[in-house]
Amino acid sequence: MGKKDSCPLDGSWTRDHCTAYNDRKKHQTLSECVHRDNCTNFRKIIESDLDESVSSSKKILLNGIPNIFED
């Protein structure tokens, strides 16, 4: 993610489950999001690790982003 006005979850179904995205997009503060590294790593897991993808997807659907990072 080189663009400052982008989100690591852009293009992924997981972005729709981020409670901070719309507000940050509206105020053009996506680059200031403290969860960027977590989201980047989480997206890699969802897209490339079949075993972890199911449990990670469940976490997203039940708790949403960024709540899943606060455990």
C-alpha atoms as a PDB file:
ATOM      1  CA  MET A   1       0.000   0.000   0.000  1.00  0.00           C
ATOM      2  CA  GLY A   2       2.041   2.894  -1.207  1.00  0.00           C
ATOM      3  CA  LYS A   3      -0.743   5.428  -1.521  1.00  0.00           C
ATOM      4  CA  LYS A   4      -1.451   7.530   1.518  1.00  0.00           C
ATOM      5  CA  ASP A   5      -5.125   7.872   0.616  1.00  0.00           C
ATOM      6  CA  SER A   6      -5.668   4.134   0.408  1.00  0.00           C
ATOM      7  CA  CYS A   7      -6.481   1.416   2.896  1.00  0.00           C
ATOM      8  CA  PRO A   8      -4.753  -1.965   3.108  1.00  0.00           C
ATOM      9  CA  LEU A   9      -8.224  -3.509   2.877  1.00  0.00           C
ATOM     10  CA  ASP A  10      -9.192  -1.742  -0.383  1.00  0.00           C
ATOM     11  CA  GLY A  11     -10.471  -4.339  -2.837  1.00  0.00           C
ATOM     12  CA  SER A  12     -11.240  -6.859  -0.112  1.00  0.00           C
ATOM     13  CA  TRP A  13     -14.610  -7.844   1.323  1.00  0.00           C
ATOM     14  CA  THR A  14     -13.164  -7.193   4.772  1.00  0.00           C
ATOM     15  CA  ARG A  15     -13.125  -3.414   4.270  1.00  0.00           C
ATOM     16  CA  ASP A  16     -16.920  -3.328   4.563  1.00  0.00           C
ATOM     17  CA  HIS A  17     -16.513  -4.588   8.131  1.00  0.00           C
ATOM     18  CA  CYS A  18     -14.228  -1.766   9.263  1.00  0.00           C
ATOM     19  CA  THR A  19     -16.009   0.718  11.484  1.00  0.00           C
ATOM     20  CA  ALA A  20     -13.311   3.376  11.001  1.00  0.00           C
ATOM     21  CA  TYR A  21     -13.014   3.320   7.206  1.00  0.00           C
ATOM     22  CA  ASN A  22     -15.869   5.595   6.160  1.00  0.00           C
ATOM     23  CA  ASP A  23     -15.020   8.328   8.643  1.00  0.00           C
ATOM     24  CA  ARG A  24     -11.315   8.214   7.779  1.00  0.00           C
ATOM     25  CA  LYS A  25     -12.093   8.247   4.039  1.00  0.00           C
ATOM     26  CA  LYS A  26     -14.412  11.216   4.488  1.00  0.00           C
ATOM     27  CA  HIS A  27     -11.762  13.182   6.378  1.00  0.00           C
ATOM     28  CA  GLN A  28      -8.896  11.930   4.155  1.00  0.00           C
ATOM     29  CA  THR A  29      -7.034  10.476   7.139  1.00  0.00           C
ATOM     30  CA  LEU A  30      -6.581   6.888   5.975  1.00  0.00           C
ATOM     31  CA  SER A  31      -2.815   7.266   6.235  1.00  0.00           C
ATOM     32  CA  GLU A  32      -3.164   8.080   9.950  1.00  0.00           C
ATOM     33  CA  CYS A  33      -4.987   4.879  10.855  1.00  0.00           C
ATOM     34  CA  VAL A  34      -3.129   3.050  13.616  1.00  0.00           C
ATOM     35  CA  HIS A  35      -4.405  -0.313  12.362  1.00  0.00           C
ATOM     36  CA  ARG A  36      -2.778  -0.211   8.910  1.00  0.00           C
ATOM     37  CA  ASP A  37      -0.112  -2.817   9.759  1.00  0.00           C
ATOM     38  CA  ASN A  38      -2.657  -5.086  11.439  1.00  0.00           C
ATOM     39  CA  CYS A  39      -4.979  -4.833   8.446  1.00  0.00           C
ATOM     40  CA  THR A  40      -2.150  -5.558   6.012  1.00  0.00           C
ATOM     41  CA  ASN A  41      -1.186  -8.699   7.924  1.00  0.00           C
ATOM     42  CA  PHE A  42      -4.794  -9.763   8.362  1.00  0.00           C
ATOM     43  CA  ARG A  43      -5.477  -9.414   4.641  1.00  0.00           C
ATOM     44  CA  LYS A  44      -2.442 -11.574   3.840  1.00  0.00           C
ATOM     45  CA  ILE A  45      -3.818 -14.266   6.149  1.00  0.00           C
ATOM     46  CA  ILE A  46      -7.305 -14.094   4.625  1.00  0.00           C
ATOM     47  CA  GLU A  47      -5.967 -14.347   1.085  1.00  0.00           C
ATOM     48  CA  SER A  48      -3.153 -16.854   1.453  1.00  0.00           C
ATOM     49  CA  ASP A  49      -3.555 -19.075   4.532  1.00  0.00           C
ATOM     50  CA  LEU A  50      -6.520 -21.357   4.016  1.00  0.00           C
ATOM     51  CA  ASP A  51      -6.361 -22.828   7.520  1.00  0.00           C
ATOM     52  CA  GLU A  52      -6.335 -19.458   9.274  1.00  0.00           C
ATOM     53  CA  SER A  53      -8.675 -17.790   6.787  1.00  0.00           C
ATOM     54  CA  VAL A  54     -11.816 -19.416   8.183  1.00  0.00           C
ATOM     55  CA  SER A  55     -11.181 -18.472  11.802  1.00  0.00           C
ATOM     56  CA  SER A  56     -10.005 -14.997  10.808  1.00  0.00           C
ATOM     57  CA  SER A  57     -13.126 -14.460   8.706  1.00  0.00           C
ATOM     58  CA  LYS A  58     -15.305 -15.496  11.638  1.00  0.00           C
ATOM     59  CA  LYS A  59     -13.535 -12.963  13.863  1.00  0.00           C
ATOM     60  CA  ILE A  60     -14.191 -10.206  11.345  1.00  0.00           C
ATOM     61  CA  LEU A  61     -17.844 -11.106  10.907  1.00  0.00           C
ATOM     62  CA  LEU A  62     -18.485 -11.359  14.650  1.00  0.00           C
ATOM     63  CA  ASN A  63     -16.431  -8.450  15.967  1.00  0.00           C
ATOM     64  CA  GLY A  64     -15.562  -6.234  13.028  1.00  0.00           C
ATOM     65  CA  ILE A  65     -12.424  -4.279  12.315  1.00  0.00           C
ATOM     66  CA  PRO A  66     -10.647  -2.745  14.273  1.00  0.00           C
ATOM     67  CA  ASN A  67     -12.243  -4.488  17.282  1.00  0.00           C
ATOM     68  CA  ILE A  68     -10.502  -7.756  16.404  1.00  0.00           C
ATOM     69  CA  PHE A  69      -7.132  -6.116  17.042  1.00  0.00           C
ATOM     70  CA  GLU A  70      -7.994  -5.098  20.584  1.00  0.00           C
ATOM     71  CA  ASP A  71      -7.896  -8.625  22.064  1.00  0.00           C
END
